[in-house]
Amino acid sequence: KLFVSHKTQLCARCRDGDTWIDGWHEVWVRPLL
């Protein structure tokens, strides 16, 4: 629920391509790795 909601919020703010993805990876992928 958290990472899906976070992706939606970031995408709504960053309308130019995939600029949101680095911030999302920092929050969700980095702790996972």
Full PDB file with SEQRES, HELIX, SHEET, SSBOND, CRYST1, ORIGX, SCALE, CONECT and MASTER records, all heavy atoms in Angstrom:
SEQRES   1 A   33  LYS LEU PHE VAL SER HIS LYS THR GLN LEU CYS ALA ARG          
SEQRES   2 A   33  CYS ARG ASP GLY ASP THR TRP ILE ASP GLY TRP HIS GLU          
SEQRES   3 A   33  VAL TRP VAL ARG PRO LEU LEU                                  
HELIX    1 AA1 LEU A    2  ARG A   13  1                                  12    
HELIX    2 AA2 ILE A   21  TRP A   24  1                                   4    
HELIX    3 AA3 HIS A   25  VAL A   29  3                                   5    
HELIX    4 AA4 ARG A   30  LEU A   32  1                                   3    
CRYST1    1.000    1.000    1.000  90.00  90.00  90.00 P 1           1          
ORIGX1      1.000000  0.000000  0.000000        0.00000                         
ORIGX2      0.000000  1.000000  0.000000        0.00000                         
ORIGX3      0.000000  0.000000  1.000000        0.00000                         
SCALE1      1.000000  0.000000  0.000000        0.00000                         
SCALE2      0.000000  1.000000  0.000000        0.00000                         
SCALE3      0.000000  0.000000  1.000000        0.00000                         
ATOM      1  N   LYS A   1       0.839  -1.208   0.000  1.00  0.00           N  
ATOM      2  CA  LYS A   1       0.000   0.000   0.000  1.00  0.00           C  
ATOM      3  C   LYS A   1       0.871   1.254   0.000  1.00  0.00           C  
ATOM      4  O   LYS A   1       0.579   2.237  -0.698  1.00  0.00           O  
ATOM      5  CB  LYS A   1      -0.923   0.002   1.218  1.00  0.00           C  
ATOM      6  CG  LYS A   1      -2.149  -0.889   1.104  1.00  0.00           C  
ATOM      7  CD  LYS A   1      -3.076  -0.674   2.285  1.00  0.00           C  
ATOM      8  CE  LYS A   1      -4.433  -1.354   2.068  1.00  0.00           C  
ATOM      9  NZ  LYS A   1      -4.359  -2.802   2.041  1.00  0.00           N  
ATOM     10  N   LEU A   2       1.942   1.218   0.779  1.00  0.00           N  
ATOM     11  CA  LEU A   2       2.823   2.376   0.886  1.00  0.00           C  
ATOM     12  C   LEU A   2       3.555   2.660  -0.422  1.00  0.00           C  
ATOM     13  O   LEU A   2       3.532   3.790  -0.922  1.00  0.00           O  
ATOM     14  CB  LEU A   2       3.829   2.164   2.023  1.00  0.00           C  
ATOM     15  CG  LEU A   2       3.299   2.323   3.449  1.00  0.00           C  
ATOM     16  CD1 LEU A   2       4.249   1.690   4.450  1.00  0.00           C  
ATOM     17  CD2 LEU A   2       3.087   3.805   3.779  1.00  0.00           C  
ATOM     18  N   PHE A   3       4.206   1.644  -1.005  1.00  0.00           N  
ATOM     19  CA  PHE A   3       5.009   1.959  -2.195  1.00  0.00           C  
ATOM     20  C   PHE A   3       4.147   2.227  -3.424  1.00  0.00           C  
ATOM     21  O   PHE A   3       4.532   2.995  -4.301  1.00  0.00           O  
ATOM     22  CB  PHE A   3       6.115   0.931  -2.455  1.00  0.00           C  
ATOM     23  CG  PHE A   3       5.705  -0.477  -2.795  1.00  0.00           C  
ATOM     24  CD1 PHE A   3       5.023  -0.778  -3.954  1.00  0.00           C  
ATOM     25  CD2 PHE A   3       6.068  -1.532  -1.958  1.00  0.00           C  
ATOM     26  CE1 PHE A   3       4.685  -2.080  -4.285  1.00  0.00           C  
ATOM     27  CE2 PHE A   3       5.746  -2.847  -2.272  1.00  0.00           C  
ATOM     28  CZ  PHE A   3       5.048  -3.115  -3.441  1.00  0.00           C  
ATOM     29  N   VAL A   4       2.956   1.649  -3.512  1.00  0.00           N  
ATOM     30  CA  VAL A   4       2.041   1.973  -4.614  1.00  0.00           C  
ATOM     31  C   VAL A   4       1.540   3.410  -4.477  1.00  0.00           C  
ATOM     32  O   VAL A   4       1.525   4.180  -5.445  1.00  0.00           O  
ATOM     33  CB  VAL A   4       0.867   0.983  -4.661  1.00  0.00           C  
ATOM     34  CG1 VAL A   4      -0.216   1.466  -5.621  1.00  0.00           C  
ATOM     35  CG2 VAL A   4       1.343  -0.409  -5.077  1.00  0.00           C  
ATOM     36  N   SER A   5       1.144   3.786  -3.259  1.00  0.00           N  
ATOM     37  CA  SER A   5       0.690   5.161  -3.019  1.00  0.00           C  
ATOM     38  C   SER A   5       1.808   6.164  -3.264  1.00  0.00           C  
ATOM     39  O   SER A   5       1.595   7.229  -3.870  1.00  0.00           O  
ATOM     40  CB  SER A   5       0.174   5.285  -1.577  1.00  0.00           C  
ATOM     41  OG  SER A   5      -0.094   6.635  -1.243  1.00  0.00           O  
ATOM     42  N   HIS A   6       3.022   5.821  -2.811  1.00  0.00           N  
ATOM     43  CA  HIS A   6       4.164   6.722  -2.985  1.00  0.00           C  
ATOM     44  C   HIS A   6       4.462   6.925  -4.475  1.00  0.00           C  
ATOM     45  O   HIS A   6       4.731   8.061  -4.919  1.00  0.00           O  
ATOM     46  CB  HIS A   6       5.384   6.152  -2.272  1.00  0.00           C  
ATOM     47  CG  HIS A   6       6.496   7.129  -2.110  1.00  0.00           C  
ATOM     48  ND1 HIS A   6       7.817   6.749  -2.013  1.00  0.00           N  
ATOM     49  CD2 HIS A   6       6.502   8.491  -2.047  1.00  0.00           C  
ATOM     50  CE1 HIS A   6       8.577   7.829  -1.885  1.00  0.00           C  
ATOM     51  NE2 HIS A   6       7.803   8.893  -1.915  1.00  0.00           N  
ATOM     52  N   LYS A   7       4.412   5.867  -5.252  1.00  0.00           N  
ATOM     53  CA  LYS A   7       4.637   5.978  -6.701  1.00  0.00           C  
ATOM     54  C   LYS A   7       3.593   6.899  -7.326  1.00  0.00           C  
ATOM     55  O   LYS A   7       3.921   7.763  -8.155  1.00  0.00           O  
ATOM     56  CB  LYS A   7       4.581   4.598  -7.353  1.00  0.00           C  
ATOM     57  CG  LYS A   7       4.757   4.643  -8.862  1.00  0.00           C  
ATOM     58  CD  LYS A   7       4.646   3.257  -9.484  1.00  0.00           C  
ATOM     59  CE  LYS A   7       4.730   3.347 -11.012  1.00  0.00           C  
ATOM     60  NZ  LYS A   7       4.600   2.013 -11.651  1.00  0.00           N  
ATOM     61  N   THR A   8       2.340   6.741  -6.940  1.00  0.00           N  
ATOM     62  CA  THR A   8       1.265   7.579  -7.483  1.00  0.00           C  
ATOM     63  C   THR A   8       1.495   9.044  -7.153  1.00  0.00           C  
ATOM     64  O   THR A   8       1.335   9.925  -8.012  1.00  0.00           O  
ATOM     65  CB  THR A   8      -0.098   7.124  -6.920  1.00  0.00           C  
ATOM     66  OG1 THR A   8      -0.315   5.744  -7.257  1.00  0.00           O  
ATOM     67  CG2 THR A   8      -1.234   7.967  -7.487  1.00  0.00           C  
ATOM     68  N   GLN A   9       1.892   9.323  -5.905  1.00  0.00           N  
ATOM     69  CA  GLN A   9       2.136  10.704  -5.499  1.00  0.00           C  
ATOM     70  C   GLN A   9       3.319  11.310  -6.245  1.00  0.00           C  
ATOM     71  O   GLN A   9       3.268  12.462  -6.685  1.00  0.00           O  
ATOM     72  CB  GLN A   9       2.362  10.774  -3.988  1.00  0.00           C  
ATOM     73  CG  GLN A   9       1.097  10.501  -3.172  1.00  0.00           C  
ATOM     74  CD  GLN A   9       1.362  10.556  -1.676  1.00  0.00           C  
ATOM     75  OE1 GLN A   9       2.161   9.783  -1.146  1.00  0.00           O  
ATOM     76  NE2 GLN A   9       0.692  11.472  -1.000  1.00  0.00           N  
ATOM     77  N   LEU A  10       4.404  10.539  -6.388  1.00  0.00           N  
ATOM     78  CA  LEU A  10       5.582  11.045  -7.092  1.00  0.00           C  
ATOM     79  C   LEU A  10       5.289  11.277  -8.574  1.00  0.00           C  
ATOM     80  O   LEU A  10       5.705  12.289  -9.145  1.00  0.00           O  
ATOM     81  CB  LEU A  10       6.752  10.072  -6.937  1.00  0.00           C  
ATOM     82  CG  LEU A  10       7.375   9.965  -5.539  1.00  0.00           C  
ATOM     83  CD1 LEU A  10       8.400   8.834  -5.501  1.00  0.00           C  
ATOM     84  CD2 LEU A  10       8.026  11.276  -5.124  1.00  0.00           C  
ATOM     85  N   CYS A  11       4.569  10.351  -9.196  1.00  0.00           N  
ATOM     86  CA  CYS A  11       4.229  10.501 -10.613  1.00  0.00           C  
ATOM     87  C   CYS A  11       3.348  11.723 -10.854  1.00  0.00           C  
ATOM     88  O   CYS A  11       3.472  12.398 -11.875  1.00  0.00           O  
ATOM     89  CB  CYS A  11       3.521   9.245 -11.125  1.00  0.00           C  
ATOM     90  SG  CYS A  11       4.581   7.800 -11.321  1.00  0.00           S  
ATOM     91  N   ALA A  12       2.451  11.999  -9.910  1.00  0.00           N  
ATOM     92  CA  ALA A  12       1.562  13.158 -10.063  1.00  0.00           C  
ATOM     93  C   ALA A  12       2.346  14.464 -10.016  1.00  0.00           C  
ATOM     94  O   ALA A  12       1.955  15.452 -10.656  1.00  0.00           O  
ATOM     95  CB  ALA A  12       0.505  13.142  -8.961  1.00  0.00           C  
ATOM     96  N   ARG A  13       3.458  14.461  -9.264  1.00  0.00           N  
ATOM     97  CA  ARG A  13       4.272  15.676  -9.148  1.00  0.00           C  
ATOM     98  C   ARG A  13       5.287  15.805 -10.274  1.00  0.00           C  
ATOM     99  O   ARG A  13       5.569  16.898 -10.741  1.00  0.00           O  
ATOM    100  CB  ARG A  13       5.011  15.699  -7.812  1.00  0.00           C  
ATOM    101  CG  ARG A  13       4.286  16.452  -6.733  1.00  0.00           C  
ATOM    102  CD  ARG A  13       5.245  16.937  -5.662  1.00  0.00           C  
ATOM    103  NE  ARG A  13       6.213  15.961  -5.253  1.00  0.00           N  
ATOM    104  CZ  ARG A  13       5.989  15.026  -4.323  1.00  0.00           C  
ATOM    105  NH1 ARG A  13       4.804  14.956  -3.746  1.00  0.00           N  
ATOM    106  NH2 ARG A  13       6.929  14.175  -3.983  1.00  0.00           N  
ATOM    107  N   CYS A  14       5.848  14.677 -10.692  1.00  0.00           N  
ATOM    108  CA  CYS A  14       6.911  14.689 -11.709  1.00  0.00           C  
ATOM    109  C   CYS A  14       6.313  14.238 -13.036  1.00  0.00           C  
ATOM    110  O   CYS A  14       6.330  13.044 -13.363  1.00  0.00           O  
ATOM    111  CB  CYS A  14       8.057  13.767 -11.306  1.00  0.00           C  
ATOM    112  SG  CYS A  14       8.736  14.107  -9.670  1.00  0.00           S  
ATOM    113  N   ARG A  15       5.820  15.176 -13.795  1.00  0.00           N  
ATOM    114  CA  ARG A  15       5.113  14.847 -15.032  1.00  0.00           C  
ATOM    115  C   ARG A  15       6.050  14.649 -16.219  1.00  0.00           C  
ATOM    116  O   ARG A  15       5.624  14.258 -17.291  1.00  0.00           O  
ATOM    117  CB  ARG A  15       4.085  15.936 -15.352  1.00  0.00           C  
ATOM    118  CG  ARG A  15       3.037  16.102 -14.260  1.00  0.00           C  
ATOM    119  CD  ARG A  15       1.937  17.045 -14.672  1.00  0.00           C  
ATOM    120  NE  ARG A  15       0.941  17.190 -13.607  1.00  0.00           N  
ATOM    121  CZ  ARG A  15      -0.067  16.359 -13.409  1.00  0.00           C  
ATOM    122  NH1 ARG A  15      -0.209  15.319 -14.188  1.00  0.00           N  
ATOM    123  NH2 ARG A  15      -0.927  16.559 -12.427  1.00  0.00           N  
ATOM    124  N   ASP A  16       7.334  14.951 -16.044  1.00  0.00           N  
ATOM    125  CA  ASP A  16       8.266  14.839 -17.158  1.00  0.00           C  
ATOM    126  C   ASP A  16       9.032  13.514 -17.093  1.00  0.00           C  
ATOM    127  O   ASP A  16      10.107  13.402 -16.524  1.00  0.00           O  
ATOM    128  CB  ASP A  16       9.241  16.017 -17.176  1.00  0.00           C  
ATOM    129  CG  ASP A  16       9.884  16.257 -15.821  1.00  0.00           C  
ATOM    130  OD1 ASP A  16       9.317  15.769 -14.822  1.00  0.00           O  
ATOM    131  OD2 ASP A  16      10.948  16.900 -15.762  1.00  0.00           O  
ATOM    132  N   GLY A  17       8.434  12.486 -17.671  1.00  0.00           N  
ATOM    133  CA  GLY A  17       9.101  11.191 -17.799  1.00  0.00           C  
ATOM    134  C   GLY A  17       9.275  10.444 -16.489  1.00  0.00           C  
ATOM    135  O   GLY A  17       8.374  10.394 -15.643  1.00  0.00           O  
ATOM    136  N   ASP A  18      10.490   9.864 -16.318  1.00  0.00           N  
ATOM    137  CA  ASP A  18      10.770   8.991 -15.184  1.00  0.00           C  
ATOM    138  C   ASP A  18      11.613   9.685 -14.112  1.00  0.00           C  
ATOM    139  O   ASP A  18      12.398   9.019 -13.412  1.00  0.00           O  
ATOM    140  CB  ASP A  18      11.496   7.729 -15.661  1.00  0.00           C  
ATOM    141  CG  ASP A  18      10.595   6.831 -16.508  1.00  0.00           C  
ATOM    142  OD1 ASP A  18       9.363   6.916 -16.324  1.00  0.00           O  
ATOM    143  OD2 ASP A  18      11.119   6.076 -17.334  1.00  0.00           O  
ATOM    144  N   THR A  19      11.467  10.980 -13.963  1.00  0.00           N  
ATOM    145  CA  THR A  19      12.283  11.689 -12.970  1.00  0.00           C  
ATOM    146  C   THR A  19      11.922  11.289 -11.543  1.00  0.00           C  
ATOM    147  O   THR A  19      12.708  11.523 -10.622  1.00  0.00           O  
ATOM    148  CB  THR A  19      12.116  13.214 -13.122  1.00  0.00           C  
ATOM    149  OG1 THR A  19      10.719  13.538 -13.054  1.00  0.00           O  
ATOM    150  CG2 THR A  19      12.675  13.689 -14.459  1.00  0.00           C  
ATOM    151  N   TRP A  20      10.761  10.681 -11.375  1.00  0.00           N  
ATOM    152  CA  TRP A  20      10.310  10.284 -10.041  1.00  0.00           C  
ATOM    153  C   TRP A  20      11.026   9.029  -9.540  1.00  0.00           C  
ATOM    154  O   TRP A  20      11.095   8.777  -8.334  1.00  0.00           O  
ATOM    155  CB  TRP A  20       8.804   9.991 -10.061  1.00  0.00           C  
ATOM    156  CG  TRP A  20       8.431   8.874 -10.996  1.00  0.00           C  
ATOM    157  CD1 TRP A  20       8.136   8.980 -12.312  1.00  0.00           C  
ATOM    158  CD2 TRP A  20       8.369   7.475 -10.688  1.00  0.00           C  
ATOM    159  NE1 TRP A  20       7.880   7.741 -12.860  1.00  0.00           N  
ATOM    160  CE2 TRP A  20       8.010   6.801 -11.878  1.00  0.00           C  
ATOM    161  CE3 TRP A  20       8.562   6.743  -9.525  1.00  0.00           C  
ATOM    162  CZ2 TRP A  20       7.848   5.425 -11.936  1.00  0.00           C  
ATOM    163  CZ3 TRP A  20       8.402   5.360  -9.572  1.00  0.00           C  
ATOM    164  CH2 TRP A  20       8.044   4.722 -10.769  1.00  0.00           C  
ATOM    165  N   ILE A  21      11.571   8.245 -10.477  1.00  0.00           N  
ATOM    166  CA  ILE A  21      11.947   6.872 -10.131  1.00  0.00           C  
ATOM    167  C   ILE A  21      13.143   6.802  -9.181  1.00  0.00           C  
ATOM    168  O   ILE A  21      13.231   5.902  -8.338  1.00  0.00           O  
ATOM    169  CB  ILE A  21      12.208   6.046 -11.407  1.00  0.00           C  
ATOM    170  CG1 ILE A  21      12.082   4.552 -11.111  1.00  0.00           C  
ATOM    171  CG2 ILE A  21      13.562   6.370 -12.027  1.00  0.00           C  
ATOM    172  CD1 ILE A  21      11.970   3.695 -12.351  1.00  0.00           C  
ATOM    173  N   ASP A  22      14.074   7.757  -9.281  1.00  0.00           N  
ATOM    174  CA  ASP A  22      15.245   7.723  -8.400  1.00  0.00           C  
ATOM    175  C   ASP A  22      14.843   7.895  -6.938  1.00  0.00           C  
ATOM    176  O   ASP A  22      15.360   7.198  -6.053  1.00  0.00           O  
ATOM    177  CB  ASP A  22      16.236   8.815  -8.803  1.00  0.00           C  
ATOM    178  CG  ASP A  22      16.926   8.514 -10.131  1.00  0.00           C  
ATOM    179  OD1 ASP A  22      16.956   7.327 -10.511  1.00  0.00           O  
ATOM    180  OD2 ASP A  22      17.403   9.461 -10.773  1.00  0.00           O  
ATOM    181  N   GLY A  23      13.936   8.824  -6.694  1.00  0.00           N  
ATOM    182  CA  GLY A  23      13.452   9.022  -5.325  1.00  0.00           C  
ATOM    183  C   GLY A  23      12.712   7.809  -4.796  1.00  0.00           C  
ATOM    184  O   GLY A  23      12.843   7.446  -3.621  1.00  0.00           O  
ATOM    185  N   TRP A  24      11.952   7.153  -5.666  1.00  0.00           N  
ATOM    186  CA  TRP A  24      11.203   5.950  -5.268  1.00  0.00           C  
ATOM    187  C   TRP A  24      12.158   4.804  -4.961  1.00  0.00           C  
ATOM    188  O   TRP A  24      11.990   4.086  -3.978  1.00  0.00           O  
ATOM    189  CB  TRP A  24      10.240   5.575  -6.391  1.00  0.00           C  
ATOM    190  CG  TRP A  24       9.212   4.557  -6.026  1.00  0.00           C  
ATOM    191  CD1 TRP A  24       8.065   4.758  -5.316  1.00  0.00           C  
ATOM    192  CD2 TRP A  24       9.237   3.161  -6.361  1.00  0.00           C  
ATOM    193  NE1 TRP A  24       7.361   3.573  -5.194  1.00  0.00           N  
ATOM    194  CE2 TRP A  24       8.055   2.586  -5.826  1.00  0.00           C  
ATOM    195  CE3 TRP A  24      10.129   2.362  -7.066  1.00  0.00           C  
ATOM    196  CZ2 TRP A  24       7.764   1.233  -5.983  1.00  0.00           C  
ATOM    197  CZ3 TRP A  24       9.833   1.022  -7.214  1.00  0.00           C  
ATOM    198  CH2 TRP A  24       8.661   0.463  -6.680  1.00  0.00           C  
ATOM    199  N   HIS A  25      13.184   4.643  -5.804  1.00  0.00           N  
ATOM    200  CA  HIS A  25      14.178   3.597  -5.553  1.00  0.00           C  
ATOM    201  C   HIS A  25      14.928   3.842  -4.240  1.00  0.00           C  
ATOM    202  O   HIS A  25      15.237   2.902  -3.502  1.00  0.00           O  
ATOM    203  CB  HIS A  25      15.190   3.542  -6.706  1.00  0.00           C  
ATOM    204  CG  HIS A  25      14.664   2.844  -7.914  1.00  0.00           C  
ATOM    205  ND1 HIS A  25      15.171   3.055  -9.178  1.00  0.00           N  
ATOM    206  CD2 HIS A  25      13.673   1.931  -8.066  1.00  0.00           C  
ATOM    207  CE1 HIS A  25      14.514   2.285 -10.047  1.00  0.00           C  
ATOM    208  NE2 HIS A  25      13.600   1.604  -9.399  1.00  0.00           N  
ATOM    209  N   GLU A  26      15.214   5.097  -3.953  1.00  0.00           N  
ATOM    210  CA  GLU A  26      15.932   5.429  -2.721  1.00  0.00           C  
ATOM    211  C   GLU A  26      15.140   4.999  -1.493  1.00  0.00           C  
ATOM    212  O   GLU A  26      15.713   4.500  -0.509  1.00  0.00           O  
ATOM    213  CB  GLU A  26      16.205   6.938  -2.669  1.00  0.00           C  
ATOM    214  CG  GLU A  26      16.943   7.415  -1.445  1.00  0.00           C  
ATOM    215  CD  GLU A  26      18.390   6.936  -1.396  1.00  0.00           C  
ATOM    216  OE1 GLU A  26      18.936   6.560  -2.452  1.00  0.00           O  
ATOM    217  OE2 GLU A  26      18.963   6.939  -0.289  1.00  0.00           O  
ATOM    218  N   VAL A  27      13.831   5.167  -1.545  1.00  0.00           N  
ATOM    219  CA  VAL A  27      12.984   4.858  -0.388  1.00  0.00           C  
ATOM    220  C   VAL A  27      12.690   3.367  -0.278  1.00  0.00           C  
ATOM    221  O   VAL A  27      12.679   2.814   0.832  1.00  0.00           O  
ATOM    222  CB  VAL A  27      11.652   5.656  -0.467  1.00  0.00           C  
ATOM    223  CG1 VAL A  27      10.703   5.241   0.656  1.00  0.00           C  
ATOM    224  CG2 VAL A  27      11.933   7.149  -0.387  1.00  0.00           C  
ATOM    225  N   TRP A  28      12.468   2.672  -1.414  1.00  0.00           N  
ATOM    226  CA  TRP A  28      11.958   1.296  -1.363  1.00  0.00           C  
ATOM    227  C   TRP A  28      12.976   0.242  -1.796  1.00  0.00           C  
ATOM    228  O   TRP A  28      13.010  -0.844  -1.220  1.00  0.00           O  
ATOM    229  CB  TRP A  28      10.692   1.187  -2.231  1.00  0.00           C  
ATOM    230  CG  TRP A  28       9.644   2.136  -1.761  1.00  0.00           C  
ATOM    231  CD1 TRP A  28       9.247   3.291  -2.373  1.00  0.00           C  
ATOM    232  CD2 TRP A  28       8.900   2.062  -0.547  1.00  0.00           C  
ATOM    233  NE1 TRP A  28       8.300   3.928  -1.616  1.00  0.00           N  
ATOM    234  CE2 TRP A  28       8.066   3.195  -0.487  1.00  0.00           C  
ATOM    235  CE3 TRP A  28       8.857   1.141   0.495  1.00  0.00           C  
ATOM    236  CZ2 TRP A  28       7.203   3.437   0.580  1.00  0.00           C  
ATOM    237  CZ3 TRP A  28       8.002   1.378   1.563  1.00  0.00           C  
ATOM    238  CH2 TRP A  28       7.183   2.503   1.590  1.00  0.00           C  
ATOM    239  N   VAL A  29      13.792   0.522  -2.802  1.00  0.00           N  
ATOM    240  CA  VAL A  29      14.712  -0.506  -3.305  1.00  0.00           C  
ATOM    241  C   VAL A  29      16.000  -0.538  -2.496  1.00  0.00           C  
ATOM    242  O   VAL A  29      16.525  -1.617  -2.198  1.00  0.00           O  
ATOM    243  CB  VAL A  29      15.006  -0.273  -4.802  1.00  0.00           C  
ATOM    244  CG1 VAL A  29      16.035  -1.283  -5.307  1.00  0.00           C  
ATOM    245  CG2 VAL A  29      13.724  -0.394  -5.615  1.00  0.00           C  
ATOM    246  N   ARG A  30      16.513   0.615  -2.132  1.00  0.00           N  
ATOM    247  CA  ARG A  30      17.763   0.635  -1.377  1.00  0.00           C  
ATOM    248  C   ARG A  30      17.662  -0.144  -0.062  1.00  0.00           C  
ATOM    249  O   ARG A  30      18.537  -0.980   0.239  1.00  0.00           O  
ATOM    250  CB  ARG A  30      18.190   2.075  -1.116  1.00  0.00           C  
ATOM    251  CG  ARG A  30      19.537   2.188  -0.422  1.00  0.00           C  
ATOM    252  CD  ARG A  30      19.888   3.634  -0.165  1.00  0.00           C  
ATOM    253  NE  ARG A  30      21.148   3.757   0.563  1.00  0.00           N  
ATOM    254  CZ  ARG A  30      21.627   4.894   1.043  1.00  0.00           C  
ATOM    255  NH1 ARG A  30      20.950   6.008   0.869  1.00  0.00           N  
ATOM    256  NH2 ARG A  30      22.761   4.919   1.691  1.00  0.00           N  
ATOM    257  N   PRO A  31      16.627   0.057   0.783  1.00  0.00           N  
ATOM    258  CA  PRO A  31      16.518  -0.752   2.011  1.00  0.00           C  
ATOM    259  C   PRO A  31      16.368  -2.245   1.717  1.00  0.00           C  
ATOM    260  O   PRO A  31      16.878  -3.076   2.470  1.00  0.00           O  
ATOM    261  CB  PRO A  31      15.262  -0.196   2.692  1.00  0.00           C  
ATOM    262  CG  PRO A  31      15.069   1.168   2.115  1.00  0.00           C  
ATOM    263  CD  PRO A  31      15.563   1.084   0.717  1.00  0.00           C  
ATOM    264  N   LEU A  32      15.674  -2.569   0.613  1.00  0.00           N  
ATOM    265  CA  LEU A  32      15.500  -3.975   0.241  1.00  0.00           C  
ATOM    266  C   LEU A  32      16.842  -4.625  -0.062  1.00  0.00           C  
ATOM    267  O   LEU A  32      17.153  -5.710   0.451  1.00  0.00           O  
ATOM    268  CB  LEU A  32      14.570  -4.075  -0.966  1.00  0.00           C  
ATOM    269  CG  LEU A  32      14.479  -5.447  -1.641  1.00  0.00           C  
ATOM    270  CD1 LEU A  32      13.870  -6.474  -0.691  1.00  0.00           C  
ATOM    271  CD2 LEU A  32      13.681  -5.365  -2.932  1.00  0.00           C  
ATOM    272  N   LEU A  33      17.660  -3.968  -0.883  1.00  0.00           N  
ATOM    273  CA  LEU A  33      18.970  -4.519  -1.230  1.00  0.00           C  
ATOM    274  C   LEU A  33      19.864  -4.628  -0.004  1.00  0.00           C  
ATOM    275  O   LEU A  33      20.629  -5.596   0.136  1.00  0.00           O  
ATOM    276  CB  LEU A  33      19.637  -3.655  -2.298  1.00  0.00           C  
ATOM    277  CG  LEU A  33      18.965  -3.628  -3.670  1.00  0.00           C  
ATOM    278  CD1 LEU A  33      19.708  -2.698  -4.612  1.00  0.00           C  
ATOM    279  CD2 LEU A  33      18.875  -5.030  -4.257  1.00  0.00           C  
TER     280      LEU A  33                                                      
MASTER        0    0    0    4    0    0    0    6  279    1    0    3          
END                                                                             
